[in-house]
Amino acid sequence: MAKDEHSLELTPALILSGYAQGIFPMAESRDDDRLFWLDPELRGIIPLDGFHISRSLRKTILREPYQIKVDSDFAGVIEGCADREETWINGPIFQLYLDLFEAGHAHSVEVWDGAELIGGVYGVTLNGAFFGESMFSRSTDASKIALAYLVSRLNAGGFLLLDTQFLTPHLASLGGIEIPRASYRQALQDALSVEANFLRQPLTVSGHQVCT
């Protein structure tokens, strides 16, 4: 993993420029206001035709126990993602992504149980690429459900790339893989060359009709 040795003064425009070049910002911790560019040698992605939904998760989705919303509480999703013992989401990161949301470049997919936000995922869009930043869950499978609806939305909207930055065992269980930096850069350029629409309504999740 490559990391800039100096802290950065970032703006939303600079972040978008960084994503277009294959790098992304992070902080060491919530208590450290410094931000750094990262450029991993191996990049985590979820192939949009290779998302894996287990039998139990499929049954949960079909039961429709929760409500799925998009962009209704973007700040709440970031707060949920940061609500853990250790996090890279500090104050500057929080504000920068709120600014990107206001500019239409950041989005959230949310899982609601009545009036309670119980899970979600957020990230940044740039042409046909979605850069997933983080997700959280306060109920069993809530983050997996959010990711399933995200993948369906990206497919419906014509996206080519779902970047997860790193690969965790959790993401690997859902179909995530690692690819070398050079392969990622080529996939990124392919994605940046197409127009996509995040707000296009998906018709199915894992082949089943949905309503969000």
N, C-alpha and C. Protein backbone atom coordinates (compact mmCIF):
# COMPACT_ATOMS: atom_id res chain seq x y z
N MET A 1 0.85 -1.19 0.00
CA MET A 1 0.00 0.00 0.00
C MET A 1 0.89 1.24 0.00
N ALA A 2 0.63 2.14 -0.93
CA ALA A 2 1.40 3.37 -0.99
C ALA A 2 0.66 4.47 -0.26
N LYS A 3 1.39 5.24 0.56
CA LYS A 3 0.75 6.32 1.29
C LYS A 3 1.62 7.56 1.23
N ASP A 4 1.00 8.69 0.89
CA ASP A 4 1.70 9.96 0.87
C ASP A 4 2.21 10.27 2.27
N GLU A 5 3.43 10.78 2.38
CA GLU A 5 4.03 11.06 3.69
C GLU A 5 3.50 12.34 4.30
N HIS A 6 2.77 13.15 3.56
CA HIS A 6 2.34 14.44 4.06
C HIS A 6 0.82 14.50 4.12
N SER A 7 0.32 15.24 5.10
CA SER A 7 -1.13 15.43 5.18
C SER A 7 -1.58 16.36 4.07
N LEU A 8 -2.86 16.28 3.73
CA LEU A 8 -3.37 16.99 2.58
C LEU A 8 -4.52 17.91 2.95
N GLU A 9 -4.61 19.01 2.23
CA GLU A 9 -5.78 19.87 2.30
C GLU A 9 -6.64 19.50 1.10
N LEU A 10 -7.70 18.77 1.32
CA LEU A 10 -8.50 18.25 0.22
C LEU A 10 -9.78 19.04 0.01
N THR A 11 -10.22 19.06 -1.22
CA THR A 11 -11.51 19.63 -1.60
C THR A 11 -12.28 18.53 -2.33
N PRO A 12 -13.60 18.66 -2.46
CA PRO A 12 -14.35 17.67 -3.23
C PRO A 12 -13.82 17.49 -4.66
N ALA A 13 -13.46 18.59 -5.31
CA ALA A 13 -12.95 18.50 -6.68
C ALA A 13 -11.65 17.72 -6.73
N LEU A 14 -10.79 17.93 -5.73
CA LEU A 14 -9.52 17.22 -5.69
C LEU A 14 -9.73 15.73 -5.42
N ILE A 15 -10.70 15.41 -4.58
CA ILE A 15 -11.01 14.01 -4.31
C ILE A 15 -11.46 13.31 -5.59
N LEU A 16 -12.35 13.95 -6.34
CA LEU A 16 -12.82 13.36 -7.59
C LEU A 16 -11.66 13.16 -8.57
N SER A 17 -10.75 14.13 -8.62
CA SER A 17 -9.58 14.00 -9.48
C SER A 17 -8.71 12.83 -9.04
N GLY A 18 -8.59 12.64 -7.73
CA GLY A 18 -7.82 11.52 -7.21
C GLY A 18 -8.44 10.18 -7.58
N TYR A 19 -9.77 10.07 -7.40
CA TYR A 19 -10.44 8.84 -7.78
C TYR A 19 -10.22 8.52 -9.25
N ALA A 20 -10.29 9.54 -10.10
CA ALA A 20 -10.11 9.34 -11.53
C ALA A 20 -8.71 8.85 -11.86
N GLN A 21 -7.75 9.09 -10.98
CA GLN A 21 -6.38 8.62 -11.18
C GLN A 21 -6.10 7.30 -10.47
N GLY A 22 -7.10 6.79 -9.73
CA GLY A 22 -6.94 5.49 -9.08
C GLY A 22 -6.49 5.55 -7.64
N ILE A 23 -6.54 6.73 -7.01
CA ILE A 23 -6.15 6.85 -5.61
C ILE A 23 -7.32 7.37 -4.80
N PHE A 24 -7.24 7.21 -3.47
CA PHE A 24 -8.35 7.65 -2.63
C PHE A 24 -7.80 8.10 -1.27
N PRO A 25 -8.53 8.98 -0.59
CA PRO A 25 -8.04 9.52 0.69
C PRO A 25 -8.53 8.73 1.88
N MET A 26 -7.72 8.71 2.93
CA MET A 26 -8.12 8.12 4.20
C MET A 26 -7.42 8.88 5.32
N ALA A 27 -7.85 8.62 6.55
CA ALA A 27 -7.20 9.16 7.73
C ALA A 27 -6.71 8.00 8.58
N GLU A 28 -5.77 8.27 9.47
CA GLU A 28 -5.27 7.22 10.36
C GLU A 28 -6.32 6.82 11.38
N SER A 29 -7.08 7.80 11.89
CA SER A 29 -8.08 7.52 12.91
C SER A 29 -9.03 8.71 13.01
N ARG A 30 -10.10 8.54 13.79
CA ARG A 30 -11.06 9.64 13.95
C ARG A 30 -10.45 10.82 14.68
N ASP A 31 -9.38 10.59 15.44
CA ASP A 31 -8.78 11.65 16.23
C ASP A 31 -7.61 12.35 15.53
N ASP A 32 -7.32 11.92 14.30
CA ASP A 32 -6.22 12.51 13.53
C ASP A 32 -6.81 13.20 12.32
N ASP A 33 -6.69 14.52 12.24
CA ASP A 33 -7.29 15.28 11.15
C ASP A 33 -6.52 15.20 9.84
N ARG A 34 -5.34 14.58 9.85
CA ARG A 34 -4.55 14.49 8.62
C ARG A 34 -5.17 13.46 7.68
N LEU A 35 -5.09 13.76 6.38
CA LEU A 35 -5.60 12.85 5.35
C LEU A 35 -4.45 12.46 4.42
N PHE A 36 -4.52 11.25 3.89
CA PHE A 36 -3.47 10.72 3.03
C PHE A 36 -4.08 10.06 1.81
N TRP A 37 -3.34 10.11 0.69
CA TRP A 37 -3.74 9.36 -0.50
C TRP A 37 -3.25 7.93 -0.35
N LEU A 38 -4.08 7.00 -0.77
CA LEU A 38 -3.70 5.59 -0.78
C LEU A 38 -3.80 5.04 -2.20
N ASP A 39 -2.88 4.13 -2.53
CA ASP A 39 -2.82 3.53 -3.85
C ASP A 39 -2.38 2.08 -3.68
N PRO A 40 -3.29 1.19 -3.24
CA PRO A 40 -2.90 -0.20 -2.92
C PRO A 40 -2.36 -0.95 -4.13
N GLU A 41 -1.41 -1.83 -3.89
CA GLU A 41 -0.89 -2.67 -4.96
C GLU A 41 -1.96 -3.65 -5.44
N LEU A 42 -2.77 -4.14 -4.51
CA LEU A 42 -3.90 -5.00 -4.85
C LEU A 42 -5.18 -4.24 -4.49
N ARG A 43 -6.13 -4.20 -5.41
CA ARG A 43 -7.34 -3.42 -5.21
C ARG A 43 -8.54 -4.35 -5.09
N GLY A 44 -9.38 -4.08 -4.11
CA GLY A 44 -10.59 -4.86 -3.95
C GLY A 44 -11.70 -4.34 -4.84
N ILE A 45 -12.38 -5.25 -5.53
CA ILE A 45 -13.56 -4.90 -6.32
C ILE A 45 -14.59 -6.01 -6.15
N ILE A 46 -15.84 -5.69 -6.45
CA ILE A 46 -16.88 -6.71 -6.59
C ILE A 46 -17.33 -6.69 -8.04
N PRO A 47 -17.03 -7.75 -8.81
CA PRO A 47 -17.52 -7.79 -10.19
C PRO A 47 -19.05 -7.69 -10.19
N LEU A 48 -19.58 -6.79 -10.99
CA LEU A 48 -21.01 -6.54 -10.96
C LEU A 48 -21.83 -7.71 -11.49
N ASP A 49 -21.17 -8.65 -12.15
CA ASP A 49 -21.87 -9.87 -12.58
C ASP A 49 -21.51 -11.05 -11.68
N GLY A 50 -20.82 -10.77 -10.56
CA GLY A 50 -20.35 -11.86 -9.72
C GLY A 50 -20.70 -11.72 -8.25
N PHE A 51 -21.67 -10.85 -7.93
CA PHE A 51 -22.08 -10.69 -6.55
C PHE A 51 -22.78 -11.97 -6.07
N HIS A 52 -22.35 -12.46 -4.92
CA HIS A 52 -22.88 -13.73 -4.41
C HIS A 52 -23.88 -13.49 -3.29
N ILE A 53 -25.09 -13.98 -3.49
CA ILE A 53 -26.12 -13.92 -2.46
C ILE A 53 -26.38 -15.33 -1.96
N SER A 54 -26.17 -15.55 -0.70
CA SER A 54 -26.41 -16.88 -0.12
C SER A 54 -27.90 -17.20 -0.13
N ARG A 55 -28.20 -18.48 0.07
CA ARG A 55 -29.60 -18.88 0.08
C ARG A 55 -30.36 -18.19 1.21
N SER A 56 -29.73 -18.09 2.37
CA SER A 56 -30.41 -17.45 3.50
C SER A 56 -30.63 -15.96 3.27
N LEU A 57 -29.64 -15.29 2.64
CA LEU A 57 -29.79 -13.87 2.35
C LEU A 57 -30.88 -13.66 1.30
N ARG A 58 -30.93 -14.54 0.32
CA ARG A 58 -31.97 -14.43 -0.71
C ARG A 58 -33.36 -14.56 -0.08
N LYS A 59 -33.49 -15.48 0.85
CA LYS A 59 -34.78 -15.66 1.52
C LYS A 59 -35.15 -14.40 2.31
N THR A 60 -34.16 -13.81 2.95
CA THR A 60 -34.43 -12.59 3.71
C THR A 60 -34.88 -11.47 2.79
N ILE A 61 -34.21 -11.31 1.67
CA ILE A 61 -34.58 -10.26 0.71
C ILE A 61 -35.99 -10.49 0.19
N LEU A 62 -36.32 -11.74 -0.11
CA LEU A 62 -37.65 -12.04 -0.63
C LEU A 62 -38.75 -11.77 0.39
N ARG A 63 -38.43 -11.91 1.67
CA ARG A 63 -39.42 -11.63 2.71
C ARG A 63 -39.68 -10.14 2.84
N GLU A 64 -38.75 -9.32 2.35
CA GLU A 64 -38.86 -7.86 2.42
C GLU A 64 -39.19 -7.37 3.84
N PRO A 65 -38.36 -7.74 4.82
CA PRO A 65 -38.66 -7.32 6.20
C PRO A 65 -38.35 -5.86 6.47
N TYR A 66 -37.54 -5.24 5.58
CA TYR A 66 -37.11 -3.87 5.81
C TYR A 66 -37.47 -3.00 4.61
N GLN A 67 -37.31 -1.69 4.80
CA GLN A 67 -37.52 -0.74 3.71
C GLN A 67 -36.15 -0.29 3.18
N ILE A 68 -36.03 -0.21 1.88
CA ILE A 68 -34.78 0.23 1.25
C ILE A 68 -34.98 1.64 0.72
N LYS A 69 -34.08 2.53 1.12
CA LYS A 69 -34.15 3.91 0.65
C LYS A 69 -32.79 4.32 0.08
N VAL A 70 -32.83 5.35 -0.74
CA VAL A 70 -31.62 5.87 -1.37
C VAL A 70 -31.50 7.36 -1.05
N ASP A 71 -30.36 7.74 -0.48
CA ASP A 71 -30.02 9.15 -0.25
C ASP A 71 -30.98 9.87 0.70
N SER A 72 -31.70 9.14 1.54
CA SER A 72 -32.63 9.81 2.45
C SER A 72 -31.96 10.24 3.75
N ASP A 73 -30.84 9.60 4.12
CA ASP A 73 -30.10 9.99 5.32
C ASP A 73 -28.62 9.67 5.11
N PHE A 74 -28.02 10.39 4.16
CA PHE A 74 -26.61 10.15 3.83
C PHE A 74 -25.73 10.35 5.05
N ALA A 75 -25.94 11.43 5.79
CA ALA A 75 -25.13 11.70 6.98
C ALA A 75 -25.28 10.59 8.01
N GLY A 76 -26.51 10.06 8.15
CA GLY A 76 -26.73 8.98 9.09
C GLY A 76 -25.96 7.72 8.74
N VAL A 77 -25.81 7.47 7.44
CA VAL A 77 -25.04 6.30 7.02
C VAL A 77 -23.56 6.48 7.36
N ILE A 78 -23.02 7.66 7.11
CA ILE A 78 -21.61 7.90 7.48
C ILE A 78 -21.44 7.75 9.00
N GLU A 79 -22.38 8.30 9.76
CA GLU A 79 -22.31 8.18 11.21
C GLU A 79 -22.35 6.72 11.63
N GLY A 80 -23.19 5.93 10.99
CA GLY A 80 -23.26 4.51 11.30
C GLY A 80 -21.95 3.80 10.98
N CYS A 81 -21.33 4.16 9.85
CA CYS A 81 -20.06 3.55 9.47
C CYS A 81 -18.94 3.93 10.44
N ALA A 82 -19.01 5.14 10.99
CA ALA A 82 -17.97 5.62 11.91
C ALA A 82 -18.20 5.15 13.35
N ASP A 83 -19.37 4.58 13.63
CA ASP A 83 -19.73 4.18 14.98
C ASP A 83 -19.14 2.83 15.34
N ARG A 84 -17.82 2.81 15.46
CA ARG A 84 -17.10 1.60 15.83
C ARG A 84 -15.86 1.99 16.60
N GLU A 85 -15.24 1.03 17.24
CA GLU A 85 -14.11 1.35 18.12
C GLU A 85 -12.98 2.04 17.38
N GLU A 86 -12.66 1.57 16.19
CA GLU A 86 -11.61 2.18 15.38
C GLU A 86 -12.19 2.52 14.01
N THR A 87 -11.92 3.74 13.54
CA THR A 87 -12.42 4.15 12.23
C THR A 87 -11.47 5.16 11.61
N TRP A 88 -11.44 5.17 10.27
CA TRP A 88 -10.65 6.16 9.53
C TRP A 88 -11.50 7.37 9.19
N ILE A 89 -12.77 7.35 9.56
CA ILE A 89 -13.67 8.47 9.23
C ILE A 89 -13.53 9.55 10.29
N ASN A 90 -12.76 10.58 9.98
CA ASN A 90 -12.58 11.69 10.92
C ASN A 90 -13.45 12.88 10.51
N GLY A 91 -13.32 13.98 11.20
CA GLY A 91 -14.14 15.15 10.91
C GLY A 91 -14.00 15.66 9.49
N PRO A 92 -12.77 15.87 8.98
CA PRO A 92 -12.60 16.34 7.60
C PRO A 92 -13.20 15.37 6.57
N ILE A 93 -13.00 14.07 6.77
CA ILE A 93 -13.59 13.09 5.85
C ILE A 93 -15.11 13.21 5.84
N PHE A 94 -15.69 13.29 7.03
CA PHE A 94 -17.15 13.41 7.15
C PHE A 94 -17.66 14.61 6.34
N GLN A 95 -17.03 15.77 6.52
CA GLN A 95 -17.49 16.98 5.85
C GLN A 95 -17.26 16.91 4.34
N LEU A 96 -16.12 16.37 3.92
CA LEU A 96 -15.83 16.28 2.49
C LEU A 96 -16.86 15.43 1.76
N TYR A 97 -17.27 14.32 2.38
CA TYR A 97 -18.22 13.46 1.71
C TYR A 97 -19.64 14.02 1.78
N LEU A 98 -19.94 14.77 2.81
CA LEU A 98 -21.20 15.51 2.81
C LEU A 98 -21.22 16.51 1.64
N ASP A 99 -20.09 17.19 1.42
CA ASP A 99 -20.01 18.13 0.30
C ASP A 99 -20.17 17.41 -1.04
N LEU A 100 -19.56 16.23 -1.16
CA LEU A 100 -19.70 15.46 -2.39
C LEU A 100 -21.15 15.02 -2.58
N PHE A 101 -21.82 14.69 -1.49
CA PHE A 101 -23.24 14.33 -1.56
C PHE A 101 -24.07 15.51 -2.05
N GLU A 102 -23.81 16.68 -1.49
CA GLU A 102 -24.56 17.87 -1.90
C GLU A 102 -24.32 18.19 -3.37
N ALA A 103 -23.14 17.82 -3.87
CA ALA A 103 -22.81 18.08 -5.28
C ALA A 103 -23.32 16.98 -6.20
N GLY A 104 -23.93 15.94 -5.64
CA GLY A 104 -24.49 14.87 -6.45
C GLY A 104 -23.51 13.76 -6.81
N HIS A 105 -22.34 13.74 -6.19
CA HIS A 105 -21.32 12.74 -6.51
C HIS A 105 -21.21 11.64 -5.45
N ALA A 106 -21.95 11.72 -4.38
CA ALA A 106 -21.93 10.67 -3.35
C ALA A 106 -23.35 10.23 -3.07
N HIS A 107 -23.51 8.96 -2.75
CA HIS A 107 -24.84 8.39 -2.56
C HIS A 107 -24.82 7.34 -1.47
N SER A 108 -26.00 7.07 -0.94
CA SER A 108 -26.13 6.02 0.06
C SER A 108 -27.31 5.12 -0.27
N VAL A 109 -27.17 3.85 0.03
CA VAL A 109 -28.27 2.90 0.00
C VAL A 109 -28.51 2.48 1.44
N GLU A 110 -29.74 2.62 1.90
CA GLU A 110 -30.04 2.50 3.33
C GLU A 110 -31.08 1.40 3.59
N VAL A 111 -30.92 0.74 4.72
CA VAL A 111 -31.87 -0.28 5.16
C VAL A 111 -32.55 0.25 6.42
N TRP A 112 -33.87 0.34 6.37
CA TRP A 112 -34.65 0.91 7.46
C TRP A 112 -35.60 -0.14 8.04
N ASP A 113 -35.71 -0.15 9.35
CA ASP A 113 -36.71 -0.93 10.06
C ASP A 113 -37.67 0.07 10.70
N GLY A 114 -38.72 0.39 9.98
CA GLY A 114 -39.60 1.46 10.42
C GLY A 114 -38.87 2.78 10.37
N ALA A 115 -38.76 3.45 11.51
CA ALA A 115 -38.08 4.75 11.58
C ALA A 115 -36.61 4.62 11.96
N GLU A 116 -36.10 3.38 12.05
CA GLU A 116 -34.72 3.17 12.50
C GLU A 116 -33.83 2.77 11.33
N LEU A 117 -32.73 3.51 11.17
CA LEU A 117 -31.72 3.18 10.17
C LEU A 117 -30.85 2.06 10.73
N ILE A 118 -30.91 0.86 10.13
CA ILE A 118 -30.22 -0.29 10.71
C ILE A 118 -29.04 -0.77 9.86
N GLY A 119 -28.84 -0.17 8.71
CA GLY A 119 -27.71 -0.58 7.88
C GLY A 119 -27.62 0.28 6.64
N GLY A 120 -26.46 0.25 6.00
CA GLY A 120 -26.32 1.03 4.78
C GLY A 120 -24.91 0.99 4.23
N VAL A 121 -24.77 1.53 3.05
CA VAL A 121 -23.49 1.64 2.37
C VAL A 121 -23.45 2.98 1.66
N TYR A 122 -22.28 3.61 1.61
CA TYR A 122 -22.16 4.88 0.88
C TYR A 122 -20.89 4.88 0.05
N GLY A 123 -20.90 5.72 -0.97
CA GLY A 123 -19.73 5.81 -1.83
C GLY A 123 -19.87 6.97 -2.80
N VAL A 124 -18.93 7.03 -3.72
CA VAL A 124 -18.81 8.14 -4.67
C VAL A 124 -18.99 7.61 -6.09
N THR A 125 -19.72 8.36 -6.91
CA THR A 125 -19.89 7.99 -8.31
C THR A 125 -19.10 8.94 -9.20
N LEU A 126 -18.52 8.36 -10.23
CA LEU A 126 -17.82 9.13 -11.25
C LEU A 126 -17.97 8.37 -12.56
N ASN A 127 -18.81 8.91 -13.44
CA ASN A 127 -19.16 8.22 -14.69
C ASN A 127 -19.62 6.80 -14.35
N GLY A 128 -18.99 5.77 -14.92
CA GLY A 128 -19.45 4.41 -14.71
C GLY A 128 -18.76 3.68 -13.58
N ALA A 129 -18.16 4.42 -12.65
CA ALA A 129 -17.47 3.81 -11.51
C ALA A 129 -18.16 4.22 -10.21
N PHE A 130 -18.32 3.26 -9.31
CA PHE A 130 -18.80 3.54 -7.96
C PHE A 130 -17.69 3.14 -7.00
N PHE A 131 -17.25 4.11 -6.20
CA PHE A 131 -16.18 3.88 -5.24
C PHE A 131 -16.80 3.70 -3.86
N GLY A 132 -16.94 2.46 -3.44
CA GLY A 132 -17.55 2.17 -2.16
C GLY A 132 -16.63 2.57 -1.02
N GLU A 133 -17.15 3.36 -0.09
CA GLU A 133 -16.34 3.86 1.01
C GLU A 133 -16.48 3.02 2.28
N SER A 134 -17.70 2.75 2.68
CA SER A 134 -17.88 1.99 3.92
C SER A 134 -19.33 1.53 4.01
N MET A 135 -19.57 0.56 4.89
CA MET A 135 -20.93 0.11 5.16
C MET A 135 -21.04 -0.29 6.62
N PHE A 136 -22.26 -0.38 7.10
CA PHE A 136 -22.46 -0.74 8.50
C PHE A 136 -23.74 -1.53 8.66
N SER A 137 -23.85 -2.19 9.80
CA SER A 137 -25.03 -2.99 10.08
C SER A 137 -25.32 -2.96 11.57
N ARG A 138 -26.57 -2.71 11.90
CA ARG A 138 -27.02 -2.77 13.29
C ARG A 138 -28.01 -3.92 13.49
N SER A 139 -28.21 -4.71 12.44
CA SER A 139 -29.09 -5.86 12.51
C SER A 139 -28.55 -6.92 11.56
N THR A 140 -28.83 -8.17 11.82
CA THR A 140 -28.30 -9.27 11.02
C THR A 140 -28.58 -9.06 9.53
N ASP A 141 -27.52 -9.13 8.75
CA ASP A 141 -27.57 -9.08 7.28
C ASP A 141 -27.92 -7.70 6.72
N ALA A 142 -28.05 -6.66 7.55
CA ALA A 142 -28.47 -5.36 7.02
C ALA A 142 -27.48 -4.80 6.02
N SER A 143 -26.18 -4.91 6.30
CA SER A 143 -25.20 -4.37 5.36
C SER A 143 -25.16 -5.21 4.08
N LYS A 144 -25.37 -6.52 4.20
CA LYS A 144 -25.40 -7.37 3.01
C LYS A 144 -26.61 -7.02 2.13
N ILE A 145 -27.74 -6.75 2.76
CA ILE A 145 -28.93 -6.35 2.01
C ILE A 145 -28.67 -5.04 1.28
N ALA A 146 -28.06 -4.07 1.98
CA ALA A 146 -27.74 -2.79 1.36
C ALA A 146 -26.83 -2.99 0.15
N LEU A 147 -25.84 -3.87 0.30
CA LEU A 147 -24.90 -4.11 -0.80
C LEU A 147 -25.59 -4.80 -1.97
N ALA A 148 -26.51 -5.72 -1.68
CA ALA A 148 -27.24 -6.39 -2.75
C ALA A 148 -28.06 -5.38 -3.56
N TYR A 149 -28.72 -4.46 -2.88
CA TYR A 149 -29.49 -3.44 -3.58
C TYR A 149 -28.58 -2.46 -4.31
N LEU A 150 -27.40 -2.19 -3.74
CA LEU A 150 -26.44 -1.33 -4.43
C LEU A 150 -26.01 -1.97 -5.74
N VAL A 151 -25.64 -3.25 -5.70
CA VAL A 151 -25.19 -3.93 -6.92
C VAL A 151 -26.28 -3.91 -7.98
N SER A 152 -27.53 -4.16 -7.57
CA SER A 152 -28.64 -4.12 -8.53
C SER A 152 -28.81 -2.73 -9.13
N ARG A 153 -28.65 -1.71 -8.31
CA ARG A 153 -28.78 -0.33 -8.79
C ARG A 153 -27.65 0.01 -9.76
N LEU A 154 -26.45 -0.43 -9.47
CA LEU A 154 -25.33 -0.16 -10.36
C LEU A 154 -25.51 -0.87 -11.70
N ASN A 155 -25.99 -2.11 -11.66
CA ASN A 155 -26.25 -2.81 -12.91
C ASN A 155 -27.34 -2.12 -13.71
N ALA A 156 -28.39 -1.70 -13.03
CA ALA A 156 -29.50 -1.02 -13.72
C ALA A 156 -29.05 0.31 -14.32
N GLY A 157 -28.12 0.97 -13.64
CA GLY A 157 -27.68 2.29 -14.08
C GLY A 157 -26.57 2.29 -15.10
N GLY A 158 -26.06 1.11 -15.48
CA GLY A 158 -25.02 1.06 -16.49
C GLY A 158 -23.61 1.22 -15.98
N PHE A 159 -23.38 0.98 -14.69
CA PHE A 159 -22.04 1.07 -14.13
C PHE A 159 -21.21 -0.15 -14.53
N LEU A 160 -19.90 0.04 -14.58
CA LEU A 160 -18.97 -1.03 -14.94
C LEU A 160 -18.07 -1.45 -13.79
N LEU A 161 -17.92 -0.61 -12.77
CA LEU A 161 -16.94 -0.89 -11.72
C LEU A 161 -17.51 -0.59 -10.34
N LEU A 162 -17.39 -1.57 -9.44
CA LEU A 162 -17.67 -1.37 -8.02
C LEU A 162 -16.37 -1.58 -7.27
N ASP A 163 -15.75 -0.49 -6.88
CA ASP A 163 -14.45 -0.47 -6.19
C ASP A 163 -14.71 -0.55 -4.69
N THR A 164 -14.13 -1.57 -4.03
CA THR A 164 -14.25 -1.68 -2.58
C THR A 164 -12.96 -1.28 -1.86
N GLN A 165 -11.98 -0.82 -2.62
CA GLN A 165 -10.69 -0.37 -2.09
C GLN A 165 -9.86 -1.54 -1.57
N PHE A 166 -10.31 -2.21 -0.53
CA PHE A 166 -9.62 -3.37 0.02
C PHE A 166 -10.56 -4.57 -0.01
N LEU A 167 -10.01 -5.76 0.16
CA LEU A 167 -10.82 -6.97 0.22
C LEU A 167 -10.79 -7.52 1.64
N THR A 168 -11.95 -7.61 2.25
CA THR A 168 -12.09 -8.22 3.57
C THR A 168 -12.72 -9.59 3.41
N PRO A 169 -12.61 -10.47 4.42
CA PRO A 169 -13.29 -11.76 4.34
C PRO A 169 -14.79 -11.60 4.11
N HIS A 170 -15.38 -10.57 4.72
CA HIS A 170 -16.81 -10.31 4.54
C HIS A 170 -17.12 -10.03 3.07
N LEU A 171 -16.34 -9.18 2.42
CA LEU A 171 -16.57 -8.86 1.01
C LEU A 171 -16.25 -10.05 0.12
N ALA A 172 -15.22 -10.82 0.48
CA ALA A 172 -14.88 -12.02 -0.31
C ALA A 172 -16.04 -13.02 -0.31
N SER A 173 -16.75 -13.12 0.81
CA SER A 173 -17.88 -14.05 0.89
C SER A 173 -19.03 -13.62 -0.01
N LEU A 174 -19.02 -12.36 -0.42
CA LEU A 174 -20.08 -11.82 -1.28
C LEU A 174 -19.64 -11.72 -2.74
N GLY A 175 -18.47 -12.27 -3.05
CA GLY A 175 -18.00 -12.26 -4.42
C GLY A 175 -16.87 -11.30 -4.70
N GLY A 176 -16.40 -10.59 -3.67
CA GLY A 176 -15.30 -9.65 -3.86
C GLY A 176 -14.00 -10.35 -4.21
N ILE A 177 -13.18 -9.69 -5.01
CA ILE A 177 -11.88 -10.23 -5.40
C ILE A 177 -10.84 -9.12 -5.32
N GLU A 178 -9.57 -9.50 -5.42
CA GLU A 178 -8.47 -8.54 -5.53
C GLU A 178 -7.88 -8.61 -6.93
N ILE A 179 -7.56 -7.45 -7.47
CA ILE A 179 -6.90 -7.41 -8.77
C ILE A 179 -5.66 -6.50 -8.65
N PRO A 180 -4.63 -6.75 -9.47
CA PRO A 180 -3.42 -5.92 -9.41
C PRO A 180 -3.73 -4.47 -9.80
N ARG A 181 -2.85 -3.58 -9.36
CA ARG A 181 -3.04 -2.16 -9.61
C ARG A 181 -3.22 -1.86 -11.10
N ALA A 182 -2.41 -2.48 -11.95
CA ALA A 182 -2.50 -2.21 -13.39
C ALA A 182 -3.85 -2.64 -13.94
N SER A 183 -4.35 -3.78 -13.49
CA SER A 183 -5.65 -4.26 -13.96
C SER A 183 -6.76 -3.33 -13.47
N TYR A 184 -6.60 -2.85 -12.24
CA TYR A 184 -7.60 -1.92 -11.71
C TYR A 184 -7.61 -0.63 -12.53
N ARG A 185 -6.44 -0.11 -12.85
CA ARG A 185 -6.37 1.14 -13.61
C ARG A 185 -7.06 0.99 -14.97
N GLN A 186 -6.91 -0.17 -15.61
CA GLN A 186 -7.57 -0.39 -16.89
C GLN A 186 -9.08 -0.46 -16.71
N ALA A 187 -9.53 -1.18 -15.66
CA ALA A 187 -10.97 -1.27 -15.39
C ALA A 187 -11.54 0.11 -15.07
N LEU A 188 -10.76 0.91 -14.36
CA LEU A 188 -11.20 2.27 -14.03
C LEU A 188 -11.35 3.11 -15.28
N GLN A 189 -10.38 3.06 -16.18
CA GLN A 189 -10.47 3.84 -17.40
C GLN A 189 -11.67 3.42 -18.25
N ASP A 190 -11.94 2.11 -18.29
CA ASP A 190 -13.10 1.63 -19.02
C ASP A 190 -14.39 2.21 -18.40
N ALA A 191 -14.45 2.21 -17.07
CA ALA A 191 -15.64 2.71 -16.38
C ALA A 191 -15.81 4.21 -16.56
N LEU A 192 -14.71 4.94 -16.56
CA LEU A 192 -14.78 6.39 -16.70
C LEU A 192 -15.18 6.82 -18.11
N SER A 193 -15.10 5.90 -19.05
CA SER A 193 -15.42 6.23 -20.45
C SER A 193 -16.90 6.11 -20.77
N VAL A 194 -17.71 5.65 -19.78
CA VAL A 194 -19.14 5.49 -20.04
C VAL A 194 -19.94 6.38 -19.09
N GLU A 195 -21.14 6.72 -19.52
CA GLU A 195 -22.07 7.47 -18.67
C GLU A 195 -22.96 6.47 -17.93
N ALA A 196 -23.25 6.76 -16.67
CA ALA A 196 -24.10 5.88 -15.87
C ALA A 196 -25.04 6.74 -15.03
N ASN A 197 -26.08 6.11 -14.54
CA ASN A 197 -27.11 6.84 -13.78
C ASN A 197 -27.41 6.08 -12.49
N PHE A 198 -26.92 6.59 -11.36
CA PHE A 198 -27.13 5.92 -10.09
C PHE A 198 -28.59 5.91 -9.68
N LEU A 199 -29.33 6.89 -10.09
CA LEU A 199 -30.71 7.03 -9.64
C LEU A 199 -31.70 6.23 -10.47
N ARG A 200 -31.22 5.48 -11.46
CA ARG A 200 -32.12 4.62 -12.23
C ARG A 200 -32.61 3.48 -11.34
N GLN A 201 -33.91 3.27 -11.33
CA GLN A 201 -34.53 2.30 -10.44
C GLN A 201 -34.25 0.87 -10.89
N PRO A 202 -33.65 0.03 -10.03
CA PRO A 202 -33.46 -1.38 -10.40
C PRO A 202 -34.79 -2.12 -10.36
N LEU A 203 -34.94 -3.11 -11.23
CA LEU A 203 -36.16 -3.89 -11.27
C LEU A 203 -36.04 -5.17 -10.46
N THR A 204 -34.83 -5.67 -10.31
CA THR A 204 -34.64 -6.93 -9.59
C THR A 204 -33.43 -6.86 -8.68
N VAL A 205 -33.44 -7.71 -7.67
CA VAL A 205 -32.26 -8.00 -6.86
C VAL A 205 -32.06 -9.50 -6.94
N SER A 206 -30.92 -9.91 -7.50
CA SER A 206 -30.62 -11.33 -7.69
C SER A 206 -31.72 -12.04 -8.47
N GLY A 207 -32.24 -11.36 -9.48
CA GLY A 207 -33.23 -11.96 -10.34
C GLY A 207 -34.66 -11.88 -9.85
N HIS A 208 -34.89 -11.29 -8.70
CA HIS A 208 -36.23 -11.20 -8.15
C HIS A 208 -36.71 -9.76 -8.20
N GLN A 209 -37.96 -9.58 -8.57
CA GLN A 209 -38.52 -8.25 -8.68
C GLN A 209 -38.53 -7.56 -7.33
N VAL A 210 -38.18 -6.26 -7.34
CA VAL A 210 -38.12 -5.52 -6.09
C VAL A 210 -38.84 -4.20 -6.26
N CYS A 211 -39.12 -3.57 -5.15
CA CYS A 211 -39.69 -2.22 -5.14
C CYS A 211 -39.01 -1.45 -4.03
N THR A 212 -38.34 -0.32 -4.38
CA THR A 212 -37.66 0.47 -3.37
C THR A 212 -38.19 1.89 -3.40
